[in-house]
Protein backbone atom coordinates (compact mmCIF):
# COMPACT_ATOMS: atom_id res chain seq x y z
CA UNK A 1 28.94 40.59 -3.11
CA UNK A 2 30.47 38.03 -0.86
CA UNK A 3 27.75 38.77 1.85
CA UNK A 4 25.04 38.29 -0.69
CA UNK A 5 26.43 34.90 -1.59
CA UNK A 6 26.67 33.73 2.00
CA UNK A 7 23.06 34.83 2.74
CA UNK A 8 21.74 33.03 -0.50
CA UNK A 9 23.49 29.82 0.61
CA UNK A 10 21.66 29.84 3.91
CA UNK A 11 18.25 30.60 2.46
CA UNK A 12 17.99 28.25 -0.40
CA UNK A 13 18.36 24.96 1.72
CA UNK A 14 15.38 26.22 3.81
CA UNK A 15 13.24 26.90 0.48
CA UNK A 16 14.17 23.53 -0.88
CA UNK A 17 13.17 21.81 2.40
CA UNK A 18 9.95 23.83 2.70
CA UNK A 19 9.10 23.21 -1.02
CA UNK A 20 9.96 19.74 -0.86
CA UNK A 21 7.45 18.55 1.72
CA UNK A 22 5.09 15.94 0.71
CA UNK A 23 1.32 16.27 1.73
CA UNK A 24 1.63 13.35 4.04
CA UNK A 25 4.73 14.63 5.79
CA UNK A 26 3.27 17.90 7.01
CA UNK A 27 2.13 17.56 10.49
CA UNK A 28 -0.13 19.85 12.56
CA UNK A 29 -0.93 20.17 16.28
CA UNK A 30 -4.57 19.32 15.46
CA UNK A 31 -3.82 16.21 13.62
CA UNK A 32 -5.19 12.97 14.85
CA UNK A 33 -2.63 10.14 16.19
CA UNK A 34 -2.59 8.31 12.83
CA UNK A 35 -2.29 9.87 9.41
CA UNK A 36 -2.36 7.73 6.26
CA UNK A 37 -1.64 8.59 2.83
CA UNK A 38 -2.85 6.61 -0.16
CA UNK A 39 -1.04 7.53 -3.34
CA UNK A 40 -2.46 7.37 -6.95
CA UNK A 41 -0.74 3.97 -7.34
CA UNK A 42 -2.69 2.84 -4.18
CA UNK A 43 0.41 2.53 -2.03
CA UNK A 44 -0.29 3.10 1.72
CA UNK A 45 1.97 5.00 3.88
CA UNK A 46 1.26 5.80 7.47
CA UNK A 47 2.84 8.06 10.23
CA UNK A 48 2.16 9.09 13.79
CA UNK A 49 0.95 12.62 13.61
CA UNK A 50 -0.69 13.58 16.73
CA UNK A 51 -0.67 12.63 20.19
CA UNK A 52 -1.90 9.25 21.38
CA UNK A 53 -4.80 9.34 23.78
CA UNK A 54 -4.09 9.12 27.57
CA UNK A 55 -4.27 5.77 29.05
CA UNK A 56 -7.74 4.43 29.65
CA UNK A 57 -8.74 1.64 32.32
CA UNK A 58 -7.76 -1.82 31.33
CA UNK A 59 -10.48 -3.65 29.46
CA UNK A 60 -11.85 -0.24 28.07
CA UNK A 61 -10.96 0.53 24.33
CA UNK A 62 -8.86 3.73 23.52
CA UNK A 63 -10.17 5.42 20.57
CA UNK A 64 -7.61 6.60 18.07
CA UNK A 65 -8.82 8.70 15.01
CA UNK A 66 -7.20 8.00 11.63
CA UNK A 67 -6.89 10.73 8.99
CA UNK A 68 -6.87 9.39 5.37
CA UNK A 69 -5.42 11.54 2.59
CA UNK A 70 -6.60 9.65 -0.41
CA UNK A 71 -4.57 11.02 -3.37
CA UNK A 72 -5.64 8.13 -5.65
CA UNK A 73 -9.38 8.51 -4.93
CA UNK A 74 -9.46 4.85 -4.04
CA UNK A 75 -12.64 3.07 -2.96
CA UNK A 76 -11.37 -0.22 -1.79
CA UNK A 77 -11.44 -1.33 1.80
CA UNK A 78 -8.67 -0.07 4.13
CA UNK A 79 -7.46 -2.84 6.34
CA UNK A 80 -5.59 -2.63 9.67
CA UNK A 81 -3.75 -5.59 11.39
CA UNK A 82 -1.22 -6.25 14.11
CA UNK A 83 2.21 -6.97 12.44
CA UNK A 84 3.15 -10.71 13.19
CA UNK A 85 1.41 -11.92 16.15
CA UNK A 86 -0.96 -9.65 18.32
CA UNK A 87 0.70 -8.47 21.46
CA UNK A 88 -0.59 -10.45 24.63
CA UNK A 89 -3.81 -8.87 26.11
CA UNK A 90 -4.40 -6.48 23.06
CA UNK A 91 -7.57 -6.41 20.74
CA UNK A 92 -7.65 -4.40 17.68
CA UNK A 93 -10.96 -3.10 16.29
CA UNK A 94 -10.88 -1.34 12.67
CA UNK A 95 -13.65 -2.00 10.38
CA UNK A 96 -12.54 -2.29 6.98
CA UNK A 97 -15.38 -0.45 5.14
CA UNK A 98 -14.76 0.81 1.60
CA UNK A 99 -13.16 4.23 1.35
CA UNK A 100 -15.47 6.98 -0.06
CA UNK A 101 -12.93 8.05 -2.91
CA UNK A 102 -12.69 11.49 -1.29
CA UNK A 103 -9.65 13.53 -0.89
CA UNK A 104 -9.75 13.31 2.98
CA UNK A 105 -11.76 11.22 5.48
CA UNK A 106 -11.54 10.00 9.04
CA UNK A 107 -11.92 6.63 10.57
CA UNK A 108 -11.89 5.30 14.17
CA UNK A 109 -9.59 2.57 15.29
CA UNK A 110 -9.80 1.16 18.90
CA UNK A 111 -7.27 -0.86 20.88
CA UNK A 112 -8.28 -2.52 24.00
CA UNK A 113 -5.43 -3.64 26.48
CA UNK A 114 -6.10 -6.07 29.23
CA UNK A 115 -2.82 -5.90 31.20
CA UNK A 116 -1.59 -2.86 32.87
CA UNK A 117 1.87 -1.52 31.85
CA UNK A 118 3.46 -0.66 28.57
CA UNK A 119 2.39 -2.70 25.51
CA UNK A 120 4.52 -2.60 22.20
CA UNK A 121 2.27 -2.08 19.28
CA UNK A 122 3.13 -2.37 15.49
CA UNK A 123 0.16 -1.86 13.17
CA UNK A 124 0.05 -2.24 9.26
CA UNK A 125 -2.41 -0.65 6.96
CA UNK A 126 -3.26 -1.55 3.47
CA UNK A 127 -5.73 -1.30 0.79
CA UNK A 128 -7.86 -4.53 0.10
CA UNK A 129 -6.03 -7.02 -2.25
CA UNK A 130 -2.79 -5.00 -2.53
CA UNK A 131 0.41 -6.39 -1.44
CA UNK A 132 1.99 -4.87 1.84
CA UNK A 133 4.76 -2.12 1.30
CA UNK A 134 8.28 -3.71 1.06
CA UNK A 135 9.81 -0.70 2.79
CA UNK A 136 7.63 -0.73 5.69
CA UNK A 137 5.93 2.67 5.14
CA UNK A 138 2.51 0.88 5.75
CA UNK A 139 3.42 0.46 9.44
CA UNK A 140 3.55 2.29 12.55
CA UNK A 141 5.17 1.50 15.84
CA UNK A 142 4.17 2.89 19.35
CA UNK A 143 3.74 1.99 23.03
CA UNK A 144 0.51 2.20 24.79
CA UNK A 145 -0.66 1.45 28.39
CA UNK A 146 -3.83 1.20 30.20
CA UNK A 147 -4.37 1.72 34.14
CA UNK A 148 -5.85 -0.71 36.59
CA UNK A 149 -9.06 0.60 38.00
């Protein structure tokens, strides 16, 4: 009887963790670098899911695919911007087109770096006319670099 109790104690936490995952927390090897979840209340949360692209030549844009899980079937524009000031020599391109209102779609985000070396990047995403997330779940932070040709 005691052995069964110990075995159960080790199995239950695993089941709780596996069953408690949220759709936006599950990461797969095939995921694009950026994964956004928009919940039914139109709150945006973002995470780094896949690998960032390898460094490109300075002045050339690096393409990052953005996977959007739209649990609220939102159709407003999704916007992206640098947090506070843009890093020196970095340009962000993300066209704020309206979402299609489907459960999942992808977008393309481009970051162009002018200076070689590591660049510290923090991006925030939000649905148009909605306030930023006070807990910072709408932000991602990562390092990128470019190579001098």
